[in-house]
Amino acid sequence: DETVTVNWLGTPREVPKSIIMAQVLDHAIEHRTQIQTILTQLGLESPDLQPWVFFDEQGN
């Protein structure tokens, strides 16, 4: 697995690219959950936030 150098709490550190991607996905899921929770609490229907749906709705 290729690595990249990141600033890890003020210290340069080699991190596998797969770990960076895993963190990106985890963080995105967290925000999707927050959006859906807020909309539900406001009494609104939560839209389908799946990337495939977004892709289709863009006309691709």
N, C-alpha and C. Protein backbone atom coordinates (compact mmCIF):
# COMPACT_ATOMS: atom_id res chain seq x y z
N ASP A 1 0.85 -1.18 0.00
CA ASP A 1 0.00 0.00 0.00
C ASP A 1 0.89 1.24 0.00
N GLU A 2 0.65 2.14 -0.94
CA GLU A 2 1.43 3.38 -0.98
C GLU A 2 1.11 4.22 0.25
N THR A 3 2.07 5.04 0.65
CA THR A 3 1.86 5.90 1.81
C THR A 3 2.01 7.36 1.40
N VAL A 4 1.48 8.22 2.25
CA VAL A 4 1.65 9.67 2.12
C VAL A 4 2.09 10.19 3.48
N THR A 5 2.79 11.30 3.47
CA THR A 5 3.20 11.92 4.72
C THR A 5 2.13 12.90 5.15
N VAL A 6 1.65 12.75 6.37
CA VAL A 6 0.64 13.65 6.92
C VAL A 6 1.14 14.26 8.22
N ASN A 7 0.54 15.37 8.59
CA ASN A 7 0.84 16.01 9.87
C ASN A 7 -0.07 15.36 10.90
N TRP A 8 0.48 14.50 11.71
CA TRP A 8 -0.29 13.75 12.71
C TRP A 8 0.00 14.35 14.08
N LEU A 9 -0.88 15.24 14.51
CA LEU A 9 -0.73 15.92 15.80
C LEU A 9 0.61 16.63 15.91
N GLY A 10 1.01 17.29 14.81
CA GLY A 10 2.25 18.06 14.80
C GLY A 10 3.49 17.29 14.43
N THR A 11 3.34 16.01 14.13
CA THR A 11 4.48 15.17 13.77
C THR A 11 4.26 14.57 12.39
N PRO A 12 5.23 14.71 11.47
CA PRO A 12 5.09 14.06 10.17
C PRO A 12 5.03 12.54 10.35
N ARG A 13 4.10 11.92 9.63
CA ARG A 13 3.93 10.47 9.79
C ARG A 13 3.51 9.87 8.45
N GLU A 14 4.09 8.72 8.13
CA GLU A 14 3.72 8.00 6.91
C GLU A 14 2.45 7.19 7.19
N VAL A 15 1.44 7.42 6.36
CA VAL A 15 0.15 6.74 6.54
C VAL A 15 -0.24 6.08 5.22
N PRO A 16 -0.68 4.84 5.25
CA PRO A 16 -1.13 4.19 4.02
C PRO A 16 -2.32 4.94 3.41
N LYS A 17 -2.32 5.03 2.07
CA LYS A 17 -3.42 5.70 1.38
C LYS A 17 -4.76 5.04 1.69
N SER A 18 -4.75 3.74 1.92
CA SER A 18 -6.00 3.03 2.24
C SER A 18 -6.60 3.52 3.56
N ILE A 19 -5.76 3.90 4.51
CA ILE A 19 -6.25 4.42 5.78
C ILE A 19 -6.87 5.80 5.58
N ILE A 20 -6.23 6.62 4.73
CA ILE A 20 -6.79 7.95 4.42
C ILE A 20 -8.18 7.77 3.80
N MET A 21 -8.30 6.86 2.83
CA MET A 21 -9.60 6.63 2.17
C MET A 21 -10.63 6.11 3.16
N ALA A 22 -10.23 5.22 4.05
CA ALA A 22 -11.16 4.70 5.05
C ALA A 22 -11.67 5.83 5.94
N GLN A 23 -10.80 6.76 6.31
CA GLN A 23 -11.20 7.89 7.15
C GLN A 23 -12.15 8.81 6.39
N VAL A 24 -11.88 9.05 5.12
CA VAL A 24 -12.76 9.89 4.30
C VAL A 24 -14.17 9.29 4.26
N LEU A 25 -14.25 7.99 4.01
CA LEU A 25 -15.56 7.33 3.95
C LEU A 25 -16.27 7.36 5.31
N ASP A 26 -15.54 7.10 6.37
CA ASP A 26 -16.13 7.11 7.71
C ASP A 26 -16.66 8.50 8.05
N HIS A 27 -15.90 9.53 7.71
CA HIS A 27 -16.29 10.91 8.01
C HIS A 27 -17.54 11.29 7.21
N ALA A 28 -17.59 10.87 5.94
CA ALA A 28 -18.75 11.17 5.11
C ALA A 28 -20.01 10.50 5.67
N ILE A 29 -19.87 9.27 6.12
CA ILE A 29 -21.01 8.55 6.70
C ILE A 29 -21.51 9.28 7.94
N GLU A 30 -20.59 9.79 8.74
CA GLU A 30 -20.97 10.53 9.95
C GLU A 30 -21.82 11.74 9.58
N HIS A 31 -21.40 12.49 8.57
CA HIS A 31 -22.15 13.69 8.17
C HIS A 31 -23.50 13.33 7.54
N ARG A 32 -23.56 12.26 6.77
CA ARG A 32 -24.84 11.82 6.20
C ARG A 32 -25.82 11.48 7.31
N THR A 33 -25.33 10.81 8.34
CA THR A 33 -26.18 10.44 9.47
C THR A 33 -26.68 11.69 10.18
N GLN A 34 -25.81 12.68 10.37
CA GLN A 34 -26.21 13.93 11.02
C GLN A 34 -27.29 14.65 10.21
N ILE A 35 -27.12 14.71 8.89
CA ILE A 35 -28.11 15.36 8.03
C ILE A 35 -29.46 14.66 8.16
N GLN A 36 -29.45 13.34 8.09
CA GLN A 36 -30.70 12.60 8.16
C GLN A 36 -31.37 12.76 9.52
N THR A 37 -30.60 12.79 10.58
CA THR A 37 -31.15 12.97 11.93
C THR A 37 -31.80 14.34 12.07
N ILE A 38 -31.11 15.38 11.61
CA ILE A 38 -31.65 16.75 11.72
C ILE A 38 -32.94 16.89 10.92
N LEU A 39 -32.95 16.39 9.69
CA LEU A 39 -34.15 16.49 8.87
C LEU A 39 -35.32 15.74 9.50
N THR A 40 -35.05 14.57 10.04
CA THR A 40 -36.10 13.79 10.69
C THR A 40 -36.64 14.53 11.92
N GLN A 41 -35.75 15.14 12.71
CA GLN A 41 -36.18 15.89 13.89
C GLN A 41 -37.03 17.10 13.51
N LEU A 42 -36.79 17.64 12.32
CA LEU A 42 -37.58 18.78 11.84
C LEU A 42 -38.88 18.34 11.18
N GLY A 43 -39.12 17.04 11.17
CA GLY A 43 -40.34 16.51 10.57
C GLY A 43 -40.29 16.43 9.06
N LEU A 44 -39.11 16.49 8.49
CA LEU A 44 -38.95 16.42 7.04
C LEU A 44 -38.50 15.03 6.63
N GLU A 45 -38.86 14.67 5.42
CA GLU A 45 -38.43 13.38 4.90
C GLU A 45 -36.98 13.49 4.45
N SER A 46 -36.19 12.57 4.89
CA SER A 46 -34.77 12.58 4.53
C SER A 46 -34.61 12.04 3.11
N PRO A 47 -33.88 12.77 2.25
CA PRO A 47 -33.67 12.27 0.90
C PRO A 47 -32.70 11.09 0.89
N ASP A 48 -32.71 10.36 -0.19
CA ASP A 48 -31.76 9.27 -0.35
C ASP A 48 -30.40 9.89 -0.67
N LEU A 49 -29.44 9.72 0.21
CA LEU A 49 -28.13 10.36 0.06
C LEU A 49 -27.06 9.42 -0.49
N GLN A 50 -27.49 8.31 -1.08
CA GLN A 50 -26.51 7.38 -1.62
C GLN A 50 -25.83 7.99 -2.85
N PRO A 51 -24.54 7.77 -2.99
CA PRO A 51 -23.82 8.30 -4.16
C PRO A 51 -24.41 7.83 -5.49
N TRP A 52 -24.92 6.60 -5.57
CA TRP A 52 -25.51 6.12 -6.83
C TRP A 52 -26.72 6.96 -7.20
N VAL A 53 -27.54 7.32 -6.22
CA VAL A 53 -28.72 8.14 -6.49
C VAL A 53 -28.29 9.52 -6.98
N PHE A 54 -27.31 10.11 -6.32
CA PHE A 54 -26.79 11.42 -6.74
C PHE A 54 -26.30 11.34 -8.18
N PHE A 55 -25.56 10.31 -8.50
CA PHE A 55 -25.02 10.11 -9.85
C PHE A 55 -26.15 10.05 -10.87
N ASP A 56 -27.18 9.25 -10.58
CA ASP A 56 -28.32 9.12 -11.49
C ASP A 56 -29.06 10.44 -11.66
N GLU A 57 -29.24 11.18 -10.57
CA GLU A 57 -29.99 12.43 -10.65
C GLU A 57 -29.22 13.53 -11.38
N GLN A 58 -27.94 13.35 -11.55
CA GLN A 58 -27.14 14.31 -12.32
C GLN A 58 -27.25 14.06 -13.82
N GLY A 59 -28.01 13.04 -14.19
CA GLY A 59 -28.22 12.72 -15.60
C GLY A 59 -27.12 11.87 -16.20
N ASN A 60 -26.38 11.19 -15.36
CA ASN A 60 -25.30 10.33 -15.88
C ASN A 60 -25.78 8.93 -16.13
